[in-house]
Every structure is written in structure tokens, then in C-alpha cells.
Amino acid sequence: MVELPKMFPTITLHKRERKATDADIRRFVEVFHLCDMDKKSYLSREDMKMAVVMLFGYKPSKSETDLLMASYPSIHSPGVPLEQFVCLMGKKLTVEDHFERTRRIFNAFDAQCRGFLKLDDFERAFKLVAPRLPERTVLEAFR
């Protein structure tokens, strides 16, 4: 559990903790090699974005990518080498944001990237995932 500063005394965010398994680490290594297409032994900024998409299913924001790239500054390489990548992805996996799944679903509905949903966004999404659902039910769910 993560407590917020005193100005938000009643809000508490829950985080699930999970250990990276050997299978997770093997997957990190596999994704690293797939994304390191030039075989330079490190991931560039674009490679890192592609790796996060492959591992976690979403494109990281500019600020998240900045944080990932700055996590292990190195004199020896302009990007993130394998060992550090595995460590970073392990940390990212071990502290999963409780609301991340909800955020991803919202982003799938928010086709126009407006940060809010209109009824037409909601209807379009439901037509794709539940085409036989009555319009009235979709409207009631939206409200």
C-alpha cells in the first residue's frame, strides 16, 4: 500500500507486488534480443518503447520512456544494456499499478485520445466486443 501525502489523508492506492519468475526473466531476455535489431547490445529509446509494448501491451508515454532511459545512465553505452533492461523490467513487473488494467481499457475506448469518452466512443467499442447487446443496455452502461 502506498500512502499519499497528508493533503490527501483519505486516499490510499493499493499496489500488488509480484516476483519476477525465471520465465519472466527469459521473456525479458527474448524481448531484448528481438528489439535490439541492430545487435548493438543495448536498447535505444525507440527499442525501449517497442520492448514495453511487447511485454506490457501498451506504448509508454514520453515521460515514462524518459524515466526508463534515465534509470541506468552509463558512460559505456548510449542505451540500456541487457542486464539493466532485465532489472528495469523486473522492477516494473513487481510493482503493478492496481488501476493499470482499467486505464488500458479506457484507452481502448478513447479512440480519439481526448482523455474522456463520448457516447459514440462507447457505442463503437461495444459494437466490436458485444455486437448483439441492445442499444438501450449500452446507453444505460454509459450513463
N, C-alpha and C. Protein backbone atom coordinates (compact mmCIF):
# COMPACT_ATOMS: atom_id res chain seq x y z
N MET A 1 0.82 -1.17 0.00
CA MET A 1 0.00 0.00 0.00
C MET A 1 0.87 1.24 0.00
N VAL A 2 0.47 2.22 -0.78
CA VAL A 2 1.22 3.47 -0.87
C VAL A 2 0.36 4.58 -0.30
N GLU A 3 0.86 5.24 0.72
CA GLU A 3 0.13 6.35 1.34
C GLU A 3 0.46 7.64 0.60
N LEU A 4 -0.54 8.45 0.37
CA LEU A 4 -0.34 9.74 -0.25
C LEU A 4 -0.03 10.78 0.82
N PRO A 5 0.52 11.93 0.43
CA PRO A 5 0.83 12.98 1.41
C PRO A 5 -0.39 13.38 2.23
N LYS A 6 -0.17 14.06 3.33
CA LYS A 6 -1.23 14.44 4.28
C LYS A 6 -2.35 15.26 3.65
N MET A 7 -2.09 15.93 2.55
CA MET A 7 -3.16 16.72 1.94
C MET A 7 -4.25 15.83 1.34
N PHE A 8 -3.97 14.53 1.16
CA PHE A 8 -4.95 13.56 0.68
C PHE A 8 -5.10 12.45 1.72
N PRO A 9 -5.53 12.76 2.92
CA PRO A 9 -5.48 11.77 4.01
C PRO A 9 -6.39 10.56 3.81
N THR A 10 -7.45 10.68 3.04
CA THR A 10 -8.38 9.56 2.94
C THR A 10 -8.12 8.68 1.73
N ILE A 11 -7.15 9.02 0.91
CA ILE A 11 -6.89 8.26 -0.31
C ILE A 11 -5.70 7.34 -0.11
N THR A 12 -5.87 6.08 -0.44
CA THR A 12 -4.79 5.12 -0.37
C THR A 12 -4.78 4.33 -1.67
N LEU A 13 -3.63 4.21 -2.29
CA LEU A 13 -3.52 3.43 -3.51
C LEU A 13 -3.00 2.05 -3.16
N HIS A 14 -3.62 1.03 -3.71
CA HIS A 14 -3.18 -0.33 -3.47
C HIS A 14 -2.31 -0.78 -4.63
N LYS A 15 -1.22 -1.40 -4.32
CA LYS A 15 -0.35 -1.96 -5.36
C LYS A 15 -0.14 -3.43 -5.04
N ARG A 16 -0.17 -4.23 -6.10
CA ARG A 16 0.10 -5.65 -5.95
C ARG A 16 1.59 -5.86 -6.14
N GLU A 17 2.18 -6.68 -5.32
CA GLU A 17 3.58 -6.99 -5.52
C GLU A 17 3.68 -8.41 -6.03
N ARG A 18 4.60 -8.62 -6.94
CA ARG A 18 4.77 -9.90 -7.59
C ARG A 18 6.25 -10.08 -7.87
N LYS A 19 6.74 -11.26 -7.74
CA LYS A 19 8.15 -11.54 -8.02
C LYS A 19 8.30 -11.93 -9.49
N ALA A 20 9.40 -11.50 -10.09
CA ALA A 20 9.71 -11.90 -11.46
C ALA A 20 10.19 -13.36 -11.42
N THR A 21 9.56 -14.21 -12.19
CA THR A 21 9.92 -15.63 -12.24
C THR A 21 11.02 -15.85 -13.27
N ASP A 22 11.56 -17.07 -13.30
CA ASP A 22 12.56 -17.41 -14.31
C ASP A 22 11.97 -17.27 -15.71
N ALA A 23 10.69 -17.61 -15.86
CA ALA A 23 10.02 -17.48 -17.16
C ALA A 23 9.92 -16.00 -17.55
N ASP A 24 9.64 -15.13 -16.58
CA ASP A 24 9.60 -13.69 -16.85
C ASP A 24 10.96 -13.20 -17.33
N ILE A 25 12.00 -13.61 -16.64
CA ILE A 25 13.36 -13.18 -16.99
C ILE A 25 13.74 -13.68 -18.38
N ARG A 26 13.38 -14.94 -18.69
CA ARG A 26 13.64 -15.46 -20.04
C ARG A 26 12.91 -14.63 -21.09
N ARG A 27 11.68 -14.23 -20.77
CA ARG A 27 10.90 -13.41 -21.69
C ARG A 27 11.55 -12.03 -21.86
N PHE A 28 12.05 -11.44 -20.79
CA PHE A 28 12.73 -10.15 -20.87
C PHE A 28 13.94 -10.25 -21.81
N VAL A 29 14.72 -11.32 -21.65
CA VAL A 29 15.91 -11.52 -22.47
C VAL A 29 15.51 -11.70 -23.94
N GLU A 30 14.48 -12.50 -24.17
CA GLU A 30 14.00 -12.74 -25.53
C GLU A 30 13.55 -11.43 -26.19
N VAL A 31 12.76 -10.64 -25.46
CA VAL A 31 12.26 -9.37 -25.99
C VAL A 31 13.43 -8.41 -26.23
N PHE A 32 14.40 -8.39 -25.33
CA PHE A 32 15.58 -7.53 -25.53
C PHE A 32 16.23 -7.85 -26.86
N HIS A 33 16.47 -9.13 -27.12
CA HIS A 33 17.14 -9.52 -28.36
C HIS A 33 16.29 -9.24 -29.59
N LEU A 34 14.98 -9.37 -29.47
CA LEU A 34 14.09 -9.05 -30.59
C LEU A 34 14.11 -7.55 -30.89
N CYS A 35 14.18 -6.74 -29.86
CA CYS A 35 14.14 -5.28 -30.03
C CYS A 35 15.51 -4.69 -30.39
N ASP A 36 16.57 -5.39 -30.06
CA ASP A 36 17.92 -4.96 -30.40
C ASP A 36 18.25 -5.47 -31.81
N MET A 37 17.52 -4.95 -32.78
CA MET A 37 17.62 -5.47 -34.14
C MET A 37 18.98 -5.22 -34.78
N ASP A 38 19.68 -4.16 -34.38
CA ASP A 38 21.00 -3.86 -34.94
C ASP A 38 22.12 -4.59 -34.21
N LYS A 39 21.77 -5.39 -33.21
CA LYS A 39 22.74 -6.16 -32.41
C LYS A 39 23.83 -5.27 -31.83
N LYS A 40 23.39 -4.16 -31.23
CA LYS A 40 24.34 -3.20 -30.65
C LYS A 40 24.55 -3.44 -29.16
N SER A 41 23.85 -4.43 -28.59
CA SER A 41 23.97 -4.83 -27.18
C SER A 41 23.37 -3.81 -26.20
N TYR A 42 22.51 -2.94 -26.69
CA TYR A 42 21.75 -2.04 -25.82
C TYR A 42 20.48 -1.66 -26.55
N LEU A 43 19.51 -1.15 -25.79
CA LEU A 43 18.26 -0.69 -26.38
C LEU A 43 18.24 0.83 -26.43
N SER A 44 17.96 1.35 -27.61
CA SER A 44 17.79 2.79 -27.77
C SER A 44 16.41 3.17 -27.24
N ARG A 45 16.10 4.43 -27.28
CA ARG A 45 14.80 4.94 -26.84
C ARG A 45 13.65 4.26 -27.60
N GLU A 46 13.76 4.19 -28.92
CA GLU A 46 12.71 3.55 -29.74
C GLU A 46 12.63 2.06 -29.47
N ASP A 47 13.78 1.42 -29.29
CA ASP A 47 13.81 -0.01 -28.96
C ASP A 47 13.10 -0.25 -27.63
N MET A 48 13.35 0.64 -26.66
CA MET A 48 12.75 0.51 -25.33
C MET A 48 11.23 0.61 -25.42
N LYS A 49 10.72 1.55 -26.21
CA LYS A 49 9.27 1.68 -26.37
C LYS A 49 8.69 0.40 -26.95
N MET A 50 9.36 -0.14 -27.96
CA MET A 50 8.89 -1.37 -28.58
C MET A 50 8.90 -2.53 -27.57
N ALA A 51 9.92 -2.59 -26.74
CA ALA A 51 10.02 -3.65 -25.73
C ALA A 51 8.88 -3.55 -24.71
N VAL A 52 8.55 -2.35 -24.27
CA VAL A 52 7.46 -2.17 -23.31
C VAL A 52 6.13 -2.59 -23.94
N VAL A 53 5.94 -2.25 -25.21
CA VAL A 53 4.72 -2.68 -25.91
C VAL A 53 4.65 -4.20 -25.93
N MET A 54 5.75 -4.85 -26.26
CA MET A 54 5.78 -6.32 -26.35
C MET A 54 5.55 -6.98 -24.99
N LEU A 55 6.10 -6.39 -23.94
CA LEU A 55 6.00 -7.01 -22.61
C LEU A 55 4.72 -6.66 -21.86
N PHE A 56 4.29 -5.42 -21.95
CA PHE A 56 3.18 -4.96 -21.11
C PHE A 56 1.92 -4.56 -21.88
N GLY A 57 2.02 -4.54 -23.22
CA GLY A 57 0.83 -4.31 -24.02
C GLY A 57 0.39 -2.88 -24.20
N TYR A 58 1.26 -1.93 -23.90
CA TYR A 58 0.91 -0.53 -24.12
C TYR A 58 2.16 0.25 -24.50
N LYS A 59 1.96 1.35 -25.22
CA LYS A 59 3.07 2.22 -25.60
C LYS A 59 3.33 3.19 -24.45
N PRO A 60 4.55 3.21 -23.93
CA PRO A 60 4.83 4.11 -22.81
C PRO A 60 4.81 5.57 -23.25
N SER A 61 4.42 6.43 -22.35
CA SER A 61 4.41 7.87 -22.62
C SER A 61 5.85 8.37 -22.73
N LYS A 62 5.99 9.59 -23.21
CA LYS A 62 7.31 10.21 -23.32
C LYS A 62 7.99 10.28 -21.95
N SER A 63 7.22 10.67 -20.94
CA SER A 63 7.82 10.81 -19.61
C SER A 63 8.21 9.44 -19.04
N GLU A 64 7.40 8.41 -19.27
CA GLU A 64 7.78 7.08 -18.78
C GLU A 64 9.03 6.58 -19.50
N THR A 65 9.11 6.82 -20.80
CA THR A 65 10.29 6.41 -21.57
C THR A 65 11.52 7.16 -21.06
N ASP A 66 11.37 8.46 -20.77
CA ASP A 66 12.48 9.25 -20.21
C ASP A 66 12.96 8.63 -18.90
N LEU A 67 12.02 8.26 -18.03
CA LEU A 67 12.38 7.65 -16.75
C LEU A 67 13.11 6.32 -16.94
N LEU A 68 12.61 5.50 -17.86
CA LEU A 68 13.24 4.21 -18.11
C LEU A 68 14.66 4.39 -18.64
N MET A 69 14.83 5.32 -19.58
CA MET A 69 16.15 5.53 -20.19
C MET A 69 17.12 6.16 -19.19
N ALA A 70 16.62 6.98 -18.28
CA ALA A 70 17.49 7.66 -17.32
C ALA A 70 17.76 6.81 -16.08
N SER A 71 17.08 5.68 -15.95
CA SER A 71 17.23 4.86 -14.75
C SER A 71 18.63 4.32 -14.57
N TYR A 72 19.29 4.03 -15.67
CA TYR A 72 20.64 3.47 -15.60
C TYR A 72 21.57 4.21 -16.56
N PRO A 73 21.90 5.46 -16.25
CA PRO A 73 22.81 6.17 -17.15
C PRO A 73 24.17 5.48 -17.16
N SER A 74 24.73 5.38 -18.34
CA SER A 74 26.01 4.68 -18.46
C SER A 74 26.95 5.46 -19.37
N ILE A 75 28.19 5.46 -19.00
CA ILE A 75 29.22 6.09 -19.83
C ILE A 75 29.55 5.18 -21.01
N HIS A 76 29.40 3.88 -20.80
CA HIS A 76 29.84 2.90 -21.78
C HIS A 76 28.85 2.65 -22.91
N SER A 77 27.58 3.00 -22.72
CA SER A 77 26.62 2.74 -23.80
C SER A 77 25.56 3.83 -23.83
N PRO A 78 25.12 4.20 -25.03
CA PRO A 78 24.12 5.27 -25.15
C PRO A 78 22.70 4.81 -24.87
N GLY A 79 22.53 3.53 -24.56
CA GLY A 79 21.21 3.00 -24.29
C GLY A 79 21.22 2.11 -23.05
N VAL A 80 20.24 1.24 -22.97
CA VAL A 80 20.10 0.35 -21.81
C VAL A 80 20.58 -1.05 -22.20
N PRO A 81 21.67 -1.54 -21.57
CA PRO A 81 22.16 -2.88 -21.87
C PRO A 81 21.26 -3.97 -21.27
N LEU A 82 21.48 -5.20 -21.68
CA LEU A 82 20.63 -6.33 -21.31
C LEU A 82 20.44 -6.47 -19.80
N GLU A 83 21.52 -6.51 -19.05
CA GLU A 83 21.42 -6.73 -17.60
C GLU A 83 20.56 -5.66 -16.93
N GLN A 84 20.75 -4.43 -17.33
CA GLN A 84 19.98 -3.33 -16.76
C GLN A 84 18.53 -3.37 -17.23
N PHE A 85 18.32 -3.78 -18.49
CA PHE A 85 16.97 -3.91 -19.02
C PHE A 85 16.18 -4.95 -18.22
N VAL A 86 16.81 -6.10 -17.96
CA VAL A 86 16.15 -7.16 -17.19
C VAL A 86 15.80 -6.65 -15.80
N CYS A 87 16.70 -5.92 -15.18
CA CYS A 87 16.46 -5.36 -13.85
C CYS A 87 15.30 -4.36 -13.89
N LEU A 88 15.31 -3.47 -14.88
CA LEU A 88 14.24 -2.47 -15.02
C LEU A 88 12.88 -3.13 -15.22
N MET A 89 12.82 -4.10 -16.13
CA MET A 89 11.54 -4.75 -16.43
C MET A 89 11.07 -5.59 -15.25
N GLY A 90 12.02 -6.15 -14.51
CA GLY A 90 11.66 -6.89 -13.30
C GLY A 90 11.02 -5.98 -12.27
N LYS A 91 11.60 -4.79 -12.09
CA LYS A 91 11.02 -3.82 -11.16
C LYS A 91 9.65 -3.37 -11.63
N LYS A 92 9.53 -3.14 -12.93
CA LYS A 92 8.25 -2.69 -13.50
C LYS A 92 7.19 -3.76 -13.29
N LEU A 93 7.56 -5.00 -13.42
CA LEU A 93 6.63 -6.10 -13.25
C LEU A 93 6.25 -6.32 -11.79
N THR A 94 7.21 -6.14 -10.88
CA THR A 94 6.94 -6.45 -9.48
C THR A 94 5.99 -5.48 -8.80
N VAL A 95 5.94 -4.24 -9.27
CA VAL A 95 5.00 -3.28 -8.69
C VAL A 95 4.03 -2.88 -9.79
N GLU A 96 2.96 -3.63 -9.88
CA GLU A 96 1.93 -3.35 -10.89
C GLU A 96 0.93 -2.37 -10.33
N ASP A 97 0.62 -1.37 -11.08
CA ASP A 97 -0.37 -0.39 -10.68
C ASP A 97 -1.74 -1.06 -10.67
N HIS A 98 -2.45 -0.95 -9.56
CA HIS A 98 -3.75 -1.58 -9.39
C HIS A 98 -4.76 -1.11 -10.44
N PHE A 99 -4.62 0.12 -10.90
CA PHE A 99 -5.58 0.68 -11.84
C PHE A 99 -5.11 0.58 -13.30
N GLU A 100 -3.99 -0.08 -13.55
CA GLU A 100 -3.43 -0.15 -14.90
C GLU A 100 -4.38 -0.82 -15.88
N ARG A 101 -5.02 -1.90 -15.48
CA ARG A 101 -5.95 -2.61 -16.37
C ARG A 101 -7.11 -1.69 -16.75
N THR A 102 -7.63 -0.96 -15.79
CA THR A 102 -8.72 -0.03 -16.05
C THR A 102 -8.27 1.06 -17.01
N ARG A 103 -7.05 1.56 -16.81
CA ARG A 103 -6.51 2.60 -17.69
C ARG A 103 -6.38 2.10 -19.12
N ARG A 104 -5.92 0.86 -19.29
CA ARG A 104 -5.78 0.29 -20.64
C ARG A 104 -7.13 0.13 -21.32
N ILE A 105 -8.12 -0.32 -20.57
CA ILE A 105 -9.47 -0.47 -21.14
C ILE A 105 -10.01 0.89 -21.54
N PHE A 106 -9.82 1.88 -20.68
CA PHE A 106 -10.28 3.24 -21.01
C PHE A 106 -9.60 3.72 -22.30
N ASN A 107 -8.30 3.52 -22.40
CA ASN A 107 -7.56 3.97 -23.58
C ASN A 107 -8.05 3.26 -24.85
N ALA A 108 -8.46 2.01 -24.72
CA ALA A 108 -9.01 1.30 -25.87
C ALA A 108 -10.33 1.93 -26.31
N PHE A 109 -11.13 2.38 -25.37
CA PHE A 109 -12.41 3.03 -25.68
C PHE A 109 -12.17 4.44 -26.23
N ASP A 110 -11.15 5.12 -25.75
CA ASP A 110 -10.87 6.51 -26.11
C ASP A 110 -10.10 6.58 -27.42
N ALA A 111 -10.77 6.23 -28.52
CA ALA A 111 -10.12 6.13 -29.83
C ALA A 111 -9.56 7.47 -30.31
N GLN A 112 -10.14 8.56 -29.89
CA GLN A 112 -9.70 9.89 -30.33
C GLN A 112 -8.63 10.49 -29.39
N CYS A 113 -8.26 9.76 -28.34
CA CYS A 113 -7.25 10.22 -27.36
C CYS A 113 -7.60 11.58 -26.78
N ARG A 114 -8.86 11.73 -26.39
CA ARG A 114 -9.32 13.00 -25.82
C ARG A 114 -9.18 13.04 -24.30
N GLY A 115 -9.05 11.87 -23.69
CA GLY A 115 -8.98 11.83 -22.23
C GLY A 115 -10.35 11.70 -21.58
N PHE A 116 -11.39 11.61 -22.38
CA PHE A 116 -12.75 11.39 -21.90
C PHE A 116 -13.50 10.62 -22.98
N LEU A 117 -14.62 10.04 -22.60
CA LEU A 117 -15.41 9.24 -23.54
C LEU A 117 -16.70 9.95 -23.90
N LYS A 118 -17.04 9.85 -25.16
CA LYS A 118 -18.34 10.31 -25.63
C LYS A 118 -19.16 9.05 -25.89
N LEU A 119 -20.44 9.23 -26.02
CA LEU A 119 -21.32 8.09 -26.26
C LEU A 119 -20.93 7.33 -27.52
N ASP A 120 -20.54 8.03 -28.58
CA ASP A 120 -20.17 7.34 -29.82
C ASP A 120 -18.93 6.45 -29.64
N ASP A 121 -17.97 6.87 -28.79
CA ASP A 121 -16.81 6.02 -28.48
C ASP A 121 -17.27 4.73 -27.80
N PHE A 122 -18.15 4.90 -26.84
CA PHE A 122 -18.68 3.78 -26.07
C PHE A 122 -19.44 2.81 -26.97
N GLU A 123 -20.31 3.37 -27.83
CA GLU A 123 -21.10 2.53 -28.74
C GLU A 123 -20.20 1.79 -29.72
N ARG A 124 -19.19 2.45 -30.26
CA ARG A 124 -18.27 1.82 -31.21
C ARG A 124 -17.54 0.65 -30.55
N ALA A 125 -17.08 0.85 -29.33
CA ALA A 125 -16.38 -0.22 -28.62
C ALA A 125 -17.29 -1.41 -28.36
N PHE A 126 -18.51 -1.13 -27.92
CA PHE A 126 -19.45 -2.22 -27.63
C PHE A 126 -19.86 -2.97 -28.89
N LYS A 127 -19.94 -2.27 -30.02
CA LYS A 127 -20.27 -2.95 -31.28
C LYS A 127 -19.18 -3.94 -31.67
N LEU A 128 -17.95 -3.62 -31.31
CA LEU A 128 -16.84 -4.53 -31.60
C LEU A 128 -16.82 -5.74 -30.67
N VAL A 129 -17.03 -5.51 -29.39
CA VAL A 129 -16.89 -6.61 -28.42
C VAL A 129 -18.20 -7.31 -28.08
N ALA A 130 -19.32 -6.65 -28.24
CA ALA A 130 -20.62 -7.25 -27.93
C ALA A 130 -21.67 -6.75 -28.93
N PRO A 131 -21.56 -7.18 -30.19
CA PRO A 131 -22.42 -6.62 -31.24
C PRO A 131 -23.92 -6.86 -31.03
N ARG A 132 -24.29 -7.88 -30.27
CA ARG A 132 -25.72 -8.20 -30.08
C ARG A 132 -26.32 -7.55 -28.84
N LEU A 133 -25.52 -6.81 -28.12
CA LEU A 133 -26.01 -6.14 -26.92
C LEU A 133 -26.98 -5.04 -27.34
N PRO A 134 -28.18 -4.99 -26.73
CA PRO A 134 -29.16 -3.95 -27.11
C PRO A 134 -28.61 -2.54 -26.87
N GLU A 135 -28.97 -1.62 -27.76
CA GLU A 135 -28.51 -0.23 -27.65
C GLU A 135 -28.88 0.38 -26.31
N ARG A 136 -30.04 0.02 -25.81
CA ARG A 136 -30.51 0.56 -24.52
C ARG A 136 -29.56 0.17 -23.39
N THR A 137 -29.08 -1.05 -23.41
CA THR A 137 -28.14 -1.52 -22.39
C THR A 137 -26.84 -0.74 -22.46
N VAL A 138 -26.37 -0.51 -23.68
CA VAL A 138 -25.12 0.27 -23.87
C VAL A 138 -25.32 1.68 -23.34
N LEU A 139 -26.47 2.28 -23.66
CA LEU A 139 -26.77 3.64 -23.20
C LEU A 139 -26.83 3.70 -21.68
N GLU A 140 -27.47 2.72 -21.06
CA GLU A 140 -27.56 2.68 -19.60
C GLU A 140 -26.17 2.49 -18.97
N ALA A 141 -25.33 1.67 -19.60
CA ALA A 141 -23.99 1.45 -19.07
C ALA A 141 -23.16 2.74 -19.17
N PHE A 142 -23.38 3.51 -20.22
CA PHE A 142 -22.64 4.76 -20.40
C PHE A 142 -23.01 5.78 -19.33
N ARG A 143 -24.29 5.84 -19.00
CA ARG A 143 -24.75 6.84 -18.02
C ARG A 143 -24.29 6.42 -16.66
